[in-house]
Protein backbone atom coordinates (compact mmCIF):
# COMPACT_ATOMS: atom_id res chain seq x y z
CA MET A 1 -66.47 -63.36 46.16
CA PRO A 2 -63.23 -65.29 45.60
CA VAL A 3 -60.10 -64.16 47.40
CA ALA A 4 -57.23 -63.22 45.09
CA PRO A 5 -54.07 -65.25 45.61
CA ILE A 6 -51.09 -63.49 47.12
CA THR A 7 -49.22 -63.88 43.83
CA SER A 8 -51.88 -62.01 41.84
CA GLY A 9 -49.75 -58.89 41.60
CA GLY A 10 -50.08 -55.43 42.98
CA ASN A 11 -47.63 -52.75 43.89
CA GLY A 12 -47.14 -53.36 47.60
CA VAL A 13 -44.55 -56.12 47.29
CA PRO A 14 -42.30 -54.31 44.78
CA PHE A 15 -42.51 -51.16 46.93
CA LEU A 16 -41.50 -53.01 50.09
CA VAL A 17 -38.75 -54.98 48.35
CA SER A 18 -37.25 -51.79 46.95
CA ALA A 19 -37.41 -50.01 50.31
CA GLY A 20 -35.96 -53.02 52.12
CA LEU A 21 -33.14 -53.24 49.62
CA VAL A 22 -32.05 -49.68 50.32
CA TYR A 23 -32.04 -50.31 54.07
CA GLU A 24 -30.07 -53.54 53.65
CA ILE A 25 -27.43 -52.04 51.36
CA ILE A 26 -26.80 -49.07 53.61
CA ALA A 27 -26.72 -51.32 56.69
CA ALA A 28 -24.17 -53.54 54.97
CA ASN A 29 -21.87 -50.55 54.56
CA CYS A 30 -22.38 -48.70 57.83
CA SER A 31 -22.93 -48.88 61.52
CA SER A 32 -26.33 -48.03 62.90
CA PRO A 33 -27.39 -44.40 63.45
CA GLN A 34 -27.12 -45.10 67.18
CA THR A 35 -23.47 -46.15 66.86
CA THR A 36 -22.87 -43.16 64.62
CA GLU A 37 -24.20 -40.80 67.27
CA ILE A 38 -22.23 -42.43 70.06
CA ASN A 39 -18.95 -42.39 68.10
CA ALA A 40 -19.45 -39.26 65.99
CA ASP A 41 -16.23 -37.64 67.19
CA SER A 42 -14.10 -40.48 65.86
CA ARG A 43 -16.16 -41.89 62.97
CA ALA A 44 -18.39 -39.20 61.44
CA GLY A 45 -16.26 -38.55 58.38
CA THR A 46 -15.74 -42.11 57.30
CA LEU A 47 -19.25 -43.12 58.21
CA MET A 48 -20.83 -40.57 55.88
CA LYS A 49 -18.48 -41.75 53.12
CA TRP A 50 -19.97 -45.22 53.51
CA VAL A 51 -23.52 -43.89 53.69
CA HIS A 52 -22.91 -42.19 50.33
CA LEU A 53 -21.36 -45.34 48.85
CA GLY A 54 -24.33 -47.35 50.14
CA LEU A 55 -26.76 -44.91 48.53
CA GLY A 56 -24.89 -45.29 45.25
CA GLN A 57 -25.19 -49.06 45.45
CA ALA A 58 -28.87 -48.76 46.30
CA VAL A 59 -29.46 -46.56 43.25
CA LEU A 60 -27.75 -49.19 41.10
CA PHE A 61 -29.94 -52.02 42.43
CA VAL A 62 -33.19 -50.04 42.30
CA GLY A 63 -32.31 -49.01 38.75
CA LEU A 64 -31.69 -52.63 37.78
CA ALA A 65 -34.99 -53.64 39.36
CA VAL A 66 -36.76 -51.03 37.23
CA LEU A 67 -35.08 -52.39 34.10
CA ILE A 68 -36.12 -55.93 34.99
CA ASP A 69 -39.69 -55.12 36.08
CA ARG A 70 -40.88 -52.06 34.17
CA GLU A 71 -44.48 -52.82 35.08
CA HIS A 72 -43.74 -51.85 38.69
CA THR A 73 -41.43 -48.88 38.06
CA GLY A 74 -43.47 -46.50 40.23
CA PRO A 75 -43.50 -48.56 43.41
CA ILE A 76 -39.90 -49.71 42.95
CA VAL A 77 -38.65 -46.13 42.61
CA ALA A 78 -40.96 -44.82 45.34
CA GLY A 79 -39.83 -47.46 47.82
CA GLY A 80 -36.18 -46.79 47.06
CA VAL A 81 -36.47 -43.01 47.25
CA ILE A 82 -38.49 -42.99 50.47
CA ALA A 83 -36.19 -45.48 52.20
CA ALA A 84 -33.08 -43.63 51.01
CA ALA A 85 -34.41 -40.30 52.28
CA ILE A 86 -35.35 -41.74 55.68
CA GLN A 87 -32.06 -43.57 56.16
CA TYR A 88 -29.98 -40.63 54.99
CA GLY A 89 -31.86 -38.35 57.35
CA CYS A 90 -31.24 -40.73 60.25
CA PHE A 91 -27.49 -40.80 59.65
CA VAL A 92 -27.23 -37.04 59.11
CA HIS A 93 -29.16 -36.45 62.33
CA ALA A 94 -27.06 -38.99 64.24
CA LYS A 95 -23.83 -37.37 63.07
CA ALA A 96 -25.00 -33.85 63.96
CA SER A 97 -26.39 -34.91 67.33
CA GLY A 98 -23.28 -36.85 68.23
CA LEU A 99 -20.96 -33.99 67.30
CA LYS A 100 -23.10 -31.50 69.20
CA ASN A 101 -23.79 -33.51 72.34
CA GLY A 102 -20.57 -35.46 72.63
CA GLY A 103 -20.47 -38.00 75.38
CA PRO A 104 -18.38 -41.09 75.94
CA GLY A 105 -17.96 -43.16 72.80
CA THR A 106 -17.46 -46.88 72.58
CA GLU A 107 -14.17 -46.68 70.67
CA HIS A 108 -10.77 -45.54 71.87
């Protein structure tokens, strides 16, 4: 039985590219959830602004990917939605945990 070449298609690559894109866009706009938690007292408000702006940018790019590659709409959208939900949850948790637990931040 011949082995299919890696370029033969499938939905895994578009799914992973879409998910990775969301992570990259949000990371380009924000600190990490760890930094968010550590500095929640001083940065929570502006950080969440940038998380929301990053999500907006991610929606734009995932939408453009769907327009360009309609054959893989399902995996592109699924990857983007799952990554967005996970990342958003991480930042919301980091903010809440940092505000609740306090501790010494890294910024003065």
